[in-house]
Amino acid sequence: MKKIKQEINIQTKSGTFRTLIWWHGADKAYLVRVPSLPGTVTFGKSFEEAKKMAKDAIELYCSVILDQGKIIIDDTGKVVGRLPKARILVPAL
């Protein structure tokens, strides 16, 4: 029986992210990819474990981004983080 790639939304403290989860027979695991967070991939031996691992991977990715002082925009358009204060330079007269 061929397992179809499923698209689900994962809710985290940094927002909601679309994930793709599918069964990979050779690895005997559910693989997970988060399209809006480049390089974010994980897996689980069961579908439920794959969802949990996806949430952990998303939260870790977002934590690193926020620690770098950047902002996160989730898949619903929610913005998390703060932009740095702009410094306005006034030219001397």
N, C-alpha and C. Protein backbone atom coordinates (compact mmCIF):
# COMPACT_ATOMS: atom_id res chain seq x y z
N MET A 1 0.83 -1.18 0.00
CA MET A 1 0.00 0.00 0.00
C MET A 1 0.88 1.25 0.00
N LYS A 2 0.68 2.13 -0.94
CA LYS A 2 1.48 3.34 -1.05
C LYS A 2 0.91 4.43 -0.15
N LYS A 3 1.76 5.02 0.66
CA LYS A 3 1.33 6.11 1.54
C LYS A 3 1.48 7.43 0.79
N ILE A 4 0.47 8.27 0.90
CA ILE A 4 0.45 9.56 0.21
C ILE A 4 1.01 10.63 1.13
N LYS A 5 1.71 11.58 0.53
CA LYS A 5 2.24 12.70 1.30
C LYS A 5 1.07 13.50 1.86
N GLN A 6 1.11 13.74 3.16
CA GLN A 6 0.05 14.50 3.82
C GLN A 6 0.56 15.88 4.20
N GLU A 7 -0.31 16.84 4.07
CA GLU A 7 0.01 18.21 4.44
C GLU A 7 -0.79 18.55 5.68
N ILE A 8 -0.09 18.92 6.74
CA ILE A 8 -0.78 19.32 7.97
C ILE A 8 -0.15 20.59 8.51
N ASN A 9 -0.91 21.33 9.28
CA ASN A 9 -0.40 22.53 9.94
C ASN A 9 0.00 22.17 11.36
N ILE A 10 1.18 22.63 11.73
CA ILE A 10 1.70 22.41 13.08
C ILE A 10 1.68 23.76 13.81
N GLN A 11 1.00 23.79 14.94
CA GLN A 11 0.92 25.00 15.76
C GLN A 11 2.06 24.99 16.77
N THR A 12 2.84 26.06 16.80
CA THR A 12 3.92 26.20 17.77
C THR A 12 3.78 27.55 18.46
N LYS A 13 4.64 27.81 19.44
CA LYS A 13 4.59 29.11 20.12
C LYS A 13 5.04 30.24 19.20
N SER A 14 5.70 29.90 18.09
CA SER A 14 6.14 30.92 17.14
C SER A 14 5.21 31.04 15.93
N GLY A 15 4.11 30.31 15.94
CA GLY A 15 3.17 30.42 14.83
C GLY A 15 2.76 29.06 14.29
N THR A 16 2.06 29.10 13.16
CA THR A 16 1.56 27.90 12.50
C THR A 16 2.34 27.68 11.21
N PHE A 17 2.83 26.46 11.03
CA PHE A 17 3.64 26.15 9.86
C PHE A 17 3.11 24.91 9.15
N ARG A 18 3.07 24.99 7.82
CA ARG A 18 2.63 23.87 6.99
C ARG A 18 3.76 22.85 6.92
N THR A 19 3.44 21.60 7.15
CA THR A 19 4.43 20.52 7.07
C THR A 19 3.95 19.46 6.09
N LEU A 20 4.90 18.80 5.49
CA LEU A 20 4.62 17.68 4.60
C LEU A 20 5.16 16.43 5.28
N ILE A 21 4.32 15.42 5.44
CA ILE A 21 4.72 14.18 6.10
C ILE A 21 4.35 13.02 5.18
N TRP A 22 5.31 12.11 4.97
CA TRP A 22 5.05 10.95 4.12
C TRP A 22 5.87 9.76 4.59
N TRP A 23 5.38 8.58 4.26
CA TRP A 23 6.05 7.33 4.62
C TRP A 23 7.14 7.05 3.60
N HIS A 24 8.32 6.70 4.10
CA HIS A 24 9.44 6.34 3.24
C HIS A 24 9.78 4.88 3.54
N GLY A 25 9.40 4.00 2.63
CA GLY A 25 9.55 2.57 2.86
C GLY A 25 10.98 2.11 3.09
N ALA A 26 11.94 2.67 2.34
CA ALA A 26 13.33 2.25 2.49
C ALA A 26 13.88 2.59 3.88
N ASP A 27 13.48 3.74 4.40
CA ASP A 27 13.94 4.16 5.73
C ASP A 27 13.03 3.64 6.85
N LYS A 28 11.87 3.10 6.46
CA LYS A 28 10.87 2.63 7.43
C LYS A 28 10.56 3.70 8.46
N ALA A 29 10.29 4.91 7.95
CA ALA A 29 9.99 6.05 8.82
C ALA A 29 9.14 7.05 8.06
N TYR A 30 8.45 7.90 8.84
CA TYR A 30 7.72 9.02 8.27
C TYR A 30 8.68 10.20 8.18
N LEU A 31 8.86 10.72 6.99
CA LEU A 31 9.74 11.86 6.79
C LEU A 31 8.91 13.13 6.83
N VAL A 32 9.54 14.21 7.29
CA VAL A 32 8.86 15.49 7.46
C VAL A 32 9.70 16.59 6.85
N ARG A 33 9.02 17.50 6.15
CA ARG A 33 9.67 18.69 5.61
C ARG A 33 8.79 19.89 5.90
N VAL A 34 9.42 21.03 6.23
CA VAL A 34 8.70 22.28 6.48
C VAL A 34 9.11 23.25 5.37
N PRO A 35 8.29 23.39 4.33
CA PRO A 35 8.69 24.18 3.16
C PRO A 35 9.08 25.63 3.45
N SER A 36 8.41 26.28 4.40
CA SER A 36 8.71 27.70 4.63
C SER A 36 9.93 27.93 5.52
N LEU A 37 10.52 26.86 6.05
CA LEU A 37 11.74 26.98 6.86
C LEU A 37 12.83 26.15 6.18
N PRO A 38 13.63 26.77 5.33
CA PRO A 38 14.62 26.03 4.53
C PRO A 38 15.52 25.12 5.37
N GLY A 39 15.65 23.89 4.92
CA GLY A 39 16.53 22.94 5.58
C GLY A 39 15.92 22.25 6.79
N THR A 40 14.67 22.57 7.12
CA THR A 40 14.04 21.96 8.27
C THR A 40 13.41 20.63 7.87
N VAL A 41 14.07 19.55 8.24
CA VAL A 41 13.58 18.20 7.96
C VAL A 41 13.78 17.34 9.20
N THR A 42 12.93 16.35 9.36
CA THR A 42 13.05 15.42 10.48
C THR A 42 12.29 14.15 10.13
N PHE A 43 12.15 13.24 11.09
CA PHE A 43 11.43 12.00 10.82
C PHE A 43 10.92 11.42 12.13
N GLY A 44 10.05 10.42 12.00
CA GLY A 44 9.56 9.69 13.15
C GLY A 44 9.17 8.28 12.73
N LYS A 45 9.24 7.34 13.65
CA LYS A 45 8.90 5.95 13.33
C LYS A 45 7.39 5.76 13.18
N SER A 46 6.59 6.66 13.78
CA SER A 46 5.14 6.65 13.60
C SER A 46 4.72 8.04 13.13
N PHE A 47 3.48 8.12 12.64
CA PHE A 47 2.98 9.42 12.17
C PHE A 47 2.94 10.41 13.33
N GLU A 48 2.48 9.97 14.49
CA GLU A 48 2.40 10.85 15.66
C GLU A 48 3.79 11.32 16.10
N GLU A 49 4.75 10.42 16.08
CA GLU A 49 6.11 10.80 16.44
C GLU A 49 6.67 11.80 15.43
N ALA A 50 6.36 11.62 14.16
CA ALA A 50 6.82 12.55 13.13
C ALA A 50 6.25 13.94 13.37
N LYS A 51 4.97 14.04 13.76
CA LYS A 51 4.37 15.34 14.06
C LYS A 51 5.05 16.00 15.26
N LYS A 52 5.35 15.20 16.29
CA LYS A 52 6.03 15.74 17.48
C LYS A 52 7.43 16.23 17.12
N MET A 53 8.14 15.45 16.32
CA MET A 53 9.48 15.84 15.91
C MET A 53 9.45 17.10 15.03
N ALA A 54 8.41 17.22 14.22
CA ALA A 54 8.25 18.42 13.38
C ALA A 54 8.09 19.65 14.26
N LYS A 55 7.24 19.54 15.28
CA LYS A 55 7.03 20.67 16.19
C LYS A 55 8.34 21.05 16.88
N ASP A 56 9.09 20.06 17.35
CA ASP A 56 10.38 20.32 17.99
C ASP A 56 11.36 21.01 17.03
N ALA A 57 11.42 20.53 15.80
CA ALA A 57 12.34 21.10 14.80
C ALA A 57 11.96 22.54 14.48
N ILE A 58 10.67 22.80 14.33
CA ILE A 58 10.20 24.16 14.04
C ILE A 58 10.55 25.09 15.20
N GLU A 59 10.28 24.66 16.42
CA GLU A 59 10.56 25.50 17.58
C GLU A 59 12.05 25.79 17.73
N LEU A 60 12.89 24.81 17.47
CA LEU A 60 14.34 25.02 17.53
C LEU A 60 14.79 26.01 16.46
N TYR A 61 14.31 25.82 15.24
CA TYR A 61 14.65 26.72 14.13
C TYR A 61 14.25 28.16 14.49
N CYS A 62 13.01 28.33 14.97
CA CYS A 62 12.53 29.66 15.31
C CYS A 62 13.31 30.27 16.46
N SER A 63 13.69 29.47 17.42
CA SER A 63 14.49 29.95 18.55
C SER A 63 15.82 30.53 18.07
N VAL A 64 16.46 29.84 17.15
CA VAL A 64 17.74 30.31 16.61
C VAL A 64 17.54 31.62 15.86
N ILE A 65 16.50 31.69 15.03
CA ILE A 65 16.21 32.91 14.27
C ILE A 65 15.97 34.09 15.20
N LEU A 66 15.17 33.89 16.24
CA LEU A 66 14.89 34.97 17.19
C LEU A 66 16.14 35.37 17.97
N ASP A 67 17.00 34.41 18.33
CA ASP A 67 18.25 34.72 19.03
C ASP A 67 19.19 35.56 18.16
N GLN A 68 19.05 35.44 16.84
CA GLN A 68 19.86 36.24 15.92
C GLN A 68 19.28 37.63 15.70
N GLY A 69 18.16 37.92 16.37
CA GLY A 69 17.54 39.23 16.25
C GLY A 69 16.70 39.40 15.00
N LYS A 70 16.35 38.30 14.36
CA LYS A 70 15.54 38.36 13.15
C LYS A 70 14.09 38.12 13.50
N ILE A 71 13.21 38.33 12.52
CA ILE A 71 11.80 38.07 12.74
C ILE A 71 11.38 36.79 12.01
N ILE A 72 10.25 36.25 12.44
CA ILE A 72 9.68 35.05 11.82
C ILE A 72 8.29 35.42 11.31
N ILE A 73 7.98 35.02 10.10
CA ILE A 73 6.64 35.17 9.57
C ILE A 73 6.14 33.76 9.29
N ASP A 74 5.08 33.36 10.02
CA ASP A 74 4.58 32.00 9.84
C ASP A 74 3.74 31.89 8.57
N ASP A 75 3.18 30.73 8.35
CA ASP A 75 2.43 30.49 7.11
C ASP A 75 1.05 31.14 7.09
N THR A 76 0.63 31.75 8.20
CA THR A 76 -0.62 32.49 8.22
C THR A 76 -0.38 34.00 8.13
N GLY A 77 0.90 34.40 8.10
CA GLY A 77 1.25 35.81 8.02
C GLY A 77 1.53 36.45 9.37
N LYS A 78 1.46 35.67 10.45
CA LYS A 78 1.75 36.19 11.79
C LYS A 78 3.24 36.48 11.91
N VAL A 79 3.57 37.63 12.48
CA VAL A 79 4.96 38.04 12.66
C VAL A 79 5.35 37.85 14.11
N VAL A 80 6.49 37.21 14.34
CA VAL A 80 7.01 37.00 15.69
C VAL A 80 8.41 37.61 15.73
N GLY A 81 8.72 38.32 16.81
CA GLY A 81 10.02 38.95 16.95
C GLY A 81 9.87 40.46 16.82
N ARG A 82 10.97 41.14 17.00
CA ARG A 82 10.95 42.59 16.90
C ARG A 82 12.04 43.05 15.95
N LEU A 83 11.69 44.03 15.15
CA LEU A 83 12.70 44.64 14.30
C LEU A 83 13.58 45.52 15.17
N PRO A 84 14.86 45.61 14.86
CA PRO A 84 15.72 46.48 15.65
C PRO A 84 15.28 47.94 15.49
N LYS A 85 15.51 48.74 16.52
CA LYS A 85 15.16 50.16 16.44
C LYS A 85 15.99 50.82 15.36
N ALA A 86 15.32 51.60 14.55
CA ALA A 86 16.00 52.31 13.47
C ALA A 86 16.77 53.50 14.05
N ARG A 87 17.94 53.70 13.52
CA ARG A 87 18.73 54.86 13.92
C ARG A 87 18.59 55.89 12.83
N ILE A 88 18.08 57.03 13.18
CA ILE A 88 17.90 58.07 12.19
C ILE A 88 19.08 59.02 12.29
N LEU A 89 19.74 59.18 11.19
CA LEU A 89 20.88 60.10 11.14
C LEU A 89 20.40 61.43 10.58
N VAL A 90 20.63 62.48 11.32
CA VAL A 90 20.24 63.80 10.89
C VAL A 90 21.49 64.50 10.36
N PRO A 91 21.44 64.92 9.10
CA PRO A 91 22.63 65.58 8.55
C PRO A 91 22.89 66.93 9.25
N ALA A 92 24.14 67.23 9.40
CA ALA A 92 24.53 68.50 10.03
C ALA A 92 24.21 69.63 9.05
N LEU A 93 23.74 70.74 9.59
CA LEU A 93 23.40 71.90 8.75
C LEU A 93 24.57 72.81 8.58
